[in-house]
Protein backbone atom coordinates (compact mmCIF):
# COMPACT_ATOMS: atom_id res chain seq x y z
CA MET A 1 93.70 105.46 82.88
CA SER A 2 93.89 102.84 85.63
CA ASN A 3 96.63 102.60 88.26
CA LYS A 4 97.92 99.53 86.46
CA GLU A 5 98.23 101.38 83.14
CA ASP A 6 99.83 104.38 84.84
CA MET A 7 102.41 102.17 86.56
CA LYS A 8 103.09 100.36 83.28
CA ASN A 9 103.89 103.76 81.76
CA VAL A 10 106.31 104.47 84.60
CA THR A 11 107.91 101.04 84.10
CA ASP A 12 108.24 101.59 80.34
CA SER A 13 109.83 105.00 80.95
CA VAL A 14 112.32 103.56 83.46
CA ASN A 15 113.23 100.72 81.07
CA LYS A 16 114.07 103.28 78.37
CA CYS A 17 115.66 105.83 80.72
CA LYS A 18 119.10 107.25 79.94
CA LYS A 19 118.93 110.34 82.18
CA CYS A 20 122.03 109.32 84.14
CA GLN A 21 124.95 106.99 83.57
CA LEU A 22 123.53 104.12 85.64
CA PHE A 23 121.64 102.73 82.63
CA LYS A 24 125.01 101.70 81.15
CA THR A 25 125.88 99.31 83.99
CA ARG A 26 122.50 98.02 85.13
CA ASN A 27 121.24 94.52 84.41
CA LYS A 28 117.59 95.16 85.21
CA PRO A 29 116.01 98.32 86.51
CA VAL A 30 114.00 97.89 89.70
CA VAL A 31 110.80 99.91 89.40
CA GLY A 32 108.92 98.45 92.36
CA GLN A 33 106.65 95.65 93.47
CA GLY A 34 103.43 95.13 95.38
CA SER A 35 99.87 96.34 95.54
CA LEU A 36 99.01 99.51 93.64
CA ASP A 37 96.03 99.88 95.97
CA SER A 38 98.11 99.70 99.14
CA ASN A 39 97.85 102.33 101.84
CA ILE A 40 101.54 101.79 102.65
CA LEU A 41 104.47 102.73 100.42
CA PHE A 42 108.01 101.71 101.42
CA ILE A 43 110.85 103.66 99.84
CA GLY A 44 114.47 102.51 99.96
CA GLU A 45 117.63 103.99 98.54
CA ALA A 46 118.65 102.00 95.46
CA PRO A 47 118.82 98.43 94.18
CA GLY A 48 121.70 96.23 95.30
CA ARG A 49 123.34 93.43 93.32
CA ASN A 50 120.58 90.86 93.94
CA GLU A 51 117.89 93.38 93.03
CA ASP A 52 119.80 94.41 89.89
CA ASN A 53 119.93 90.76 88.81
CA SER A 54 116.27 90.00 89.56
CA GLY A 55 114.57 93.32 88.78
CA LYS A 56 112.75 93.11 92.15
CA PRO A 57 113.23 95.23 95.29
CA PHE A 58 114.60 93.91 98.57
CA VAL A 59 115.50 90.34 97.59
CA GLY A 60 118.95 90.00 99.19
CA LYS A 61 119.89 89.68 102.87
CA ALA A 62 118.17 92.97 103.71
CA GLY A 63 115.10 91.68 101.85
CA LYS A 64 114.87 88.63 104.11
CA ILE A 65 114.97 90.92 107.13
CA PHE A 66 112.40 93.20 105.48
CA ASP A 67 110.05 90.23 104.94
CA GLU A 68 110.46 89.21 108.60
CA LEU A 69 109.68 92.78 109.70
CA LEU A 70 106.54 92.82 107.54
CA ARG A 71 105.40 89.49 109.01
CA SER A 72 105.91 90.90 112.51
CA ILE A 73 103.04 93.32 111.81
CA ALA A 74 100.92 90.78 109.91
CA LEU A 75 101.77 92.09 106.43
CA GLN A 76 103.18 90.48 103.31
CA ARG A 77 104.83 92.00 100.25
CA ASN A 78 101.59 91.89 98.25
CA ASP A 79 99.91 94.04 100.96
CA VAL A 80 102.27 96.98 100.43
CA TYR A 81 104.18 98.67 97.61
CA ILE A 82 107.99 98.68 97.72
CA THR A 83 110.26 100.87 95.62
CA ASN A 84 113.49 102.89 95.77
CA ILE A 85 114.55 106.41 94.94
CA LEU A 86 116.97 105.13 92.29
CA LYS A 87 115.69 102.50 89.91
CA CYS A 88 119.16 101.35 88.80
CA ARG A 89 122.02 100.03 90.90
CA PRO A 90 124.97 102.29 91.68
CA GLN A 91 128.12 100.23 91.09
CA LYS A 92 129.95 98.81 94.11
CA ASN A 93 126.94 99.63 96.28
CA ARG A 94 128.02 103.26 96.57
CA ASN A 95 125.68 105.99 97.76
CA PRO A 96 123.43 107.64 95.17
CA LEU A 97 124.78 110.84 93.64
CA LYS A 98 122.70 114.00 93.85
CA THR A 99 122.48 114.12 90.04
CA GLU A 100 121.20 110.53 89.96
CA VAL A 101 118.53 111.27 92.55
CA GLU A 102 117.45 114.36 90.58
CA ALA A 103 117.34 112.37 87.33
CA CYS A 104 115.30 109.53 88.82
CA SER A 105 113.02 111.36 91.25
CA ARG A 106 110.25 111.99 88.72
CA TYR A 107 109.55 108.25 88.61
CA LEU A 108 109.14 108.06 92.38
CA THR A 109 106.94 111.16 92.37
CA ASN A 110 104.76 109.49 89.72
CA GLN A 111 104.56 106.32 91.81
CA ILE A 112 103.41 108.29 94.85
CA GLU A 113 100.70 109.96 92.73
CA ILE A 114 99.56 106.59 91.34
CA ILE A 115 99.46 104.73 94.67
CA LYS A 116 98.18 107.62 96.81
CA PRO A 117 99.48 106.04 100.03
CA LYS A 118 98.20 106.95 103.48
CA ILE A 119 101.60 106.01 104.96
CA ILE A 120 105.04 106.48 103.41
CA VAL A 121 107.81 104.59 105.18
CA THR A 122 111.28 105.82 104.29
CA LEU A 123 114.04 103.28 104.79
CA GLY A 124 117.37 104.93 105.56
CA ASN A 125 118.96 108.34 105.17
CA PHE A 126 118.63 108.88 101.43
CA ALA A 127 114.94 108.01 101.18
CA THR A 128 114.21 110.08 104.28
CA ALA A 129 116.14 113.11 103.00
CA PHE A 130 114.36 112.96 99.64
CA ILE A 131 110.83 112.64 101.04
CA PHE A 132 111.41 115.25 103.75
CA LYS A 133 112.64 117.71 101.13
CA LYS A 134 109.78 116.89 98.77
CA PHE A 135 107.18 117.57 101.47
CA SER A 136 109.05 120.50 103.09
CA LEU A 137 109.74 118.74 106.38
CA LYS A 138 112.76 119.54 108.54
CA ASN A 139 115.17 116.63 108.22
CA ASP A 140 117.49 115.38 110.95
CA LYS A 141 119.71 112.37 111.54
CA ILE A 142 117.84 109.10 111.15
CA SER A 143 118.98 108.18 114.68
CA LYS A 144 116.91 111.11 116.01
CA ILE A 145 113.78 110.78 113.88
CA HIS A 146 113.38 107.05 113.26
CA SER A 147 109.90 105.79 114.15
CA LYS A 148 108.48 109.30 114.60
CA VAL A 149 105.31 110.09 112.64
CA PHE A 150 105.12 113.23 110.50
CA GLU A 151 101.84 114.24 108.90
CA ILE A 152 101.58 116.26 105.70
CA ASN A 153 98.68 117.36 103.53
CA SER A 154 98.71 116.12 99.96
CA SER A 155 96.37 116.36 97.00
CA HIS A 156 94.77 113.06 98.11
CA GLY A 157 94.59 113.78 101.85
CA ILE A 158 96.84 113.42 104.87
CA ILE A 159 99.93 111.25 104.50
CA LYS A 160 101.82 109.93 107.50
CA ILE A 161 105.55 109.77 106.89
CA ILE A 162 107.48 107.35 109.08
CA PRO A 163 111.27 107.34 108.70
CA LEU A 164 112.99 104.10 109.72
CA TYR A 165 116.45 102.60 109.62
CA HIS A 166 117.12 100.63 106.46
CA PRO A 167 116.75 96.86 107.09
CA ALA A 168 120.34 96.41 105.86
CA VAL A 169 121.59 97.80 109.21
CA ALA A 170 120.57 94.49 110.79
CA THR A 171 122.86 92.62 108.39
CA TYR A 172 125.84 94.59 109.77
CA ASN A 173 124.65 94.89 113.36
CA PRO A 174 122.18 92.15 114.38
CA ASN A 175 121.37 94.04 117.62
CA THR A 176 119.52 96.69 115.59
CA LYS A 177 116.87 94.13 114.62
CA THR A 178 115.14 94.71 117.96
CA THR A 179 114.92 98.43 117.15
CA LEU A 180 113.57 97.67 113.68
CA LEU A 181 110.88 95.39 115.13
CA LYS A 182 109.79 98.14 117.55
CA ASP A 183 109.84 100.69 114.74
CA PHE A 184 107.66 98.50 112.52
CA ASN A 185 105.09 98.43 115.32
CA VAL A 186 104.75 102.18 114.80
CA ILE A 187 103.59 101.39 111.26
CA LYS A 188 101.06 98.91 112.64
CA LYS A 189 99.68 101.49 115.09
CA ASN A 190 99.20 103.98 112.24
CA MET A 191 97.60 101.64 109.69
CA ILE A 192 94.12 102.72 108.63
């Protein structure tokens, strides 16, 4: 099977998914978007209201900042693949529950296997905690590990994992945008 067919299977599974209660309140699940041949995979936490309405990741205020950050390192959305741990929106923008992450994680694991990224960029605490646990890395506060590069061996070679603040932080605190821009340069320096 091709990457495209494999990702279609993931999408079909997510569309039918009833493993947690989020399917009852979602409008559209948000599987992901971008190039299946990308070397860079961005992983966020969960869809927000705008994403839930559109079925696309990072399309709200944080999405505009995300696009600006990509442009700062000469990338566009179609150069990378963007997804979240949860594929359905938690109501009132609450944090994902452990049971929801467990129920949804198989889809993200499948996406990683399909894309075979050289770089995984985790955006925020939840994505970082999940990926660090998955690859047996010692997790710490995002304020201590953001923009550091962690290398792991996978079935398709070495993967560089780069934890970053979630772009949404710049919507609450515009001063953090400078930090995000510096952190995105770490991605640029590690691109193959």
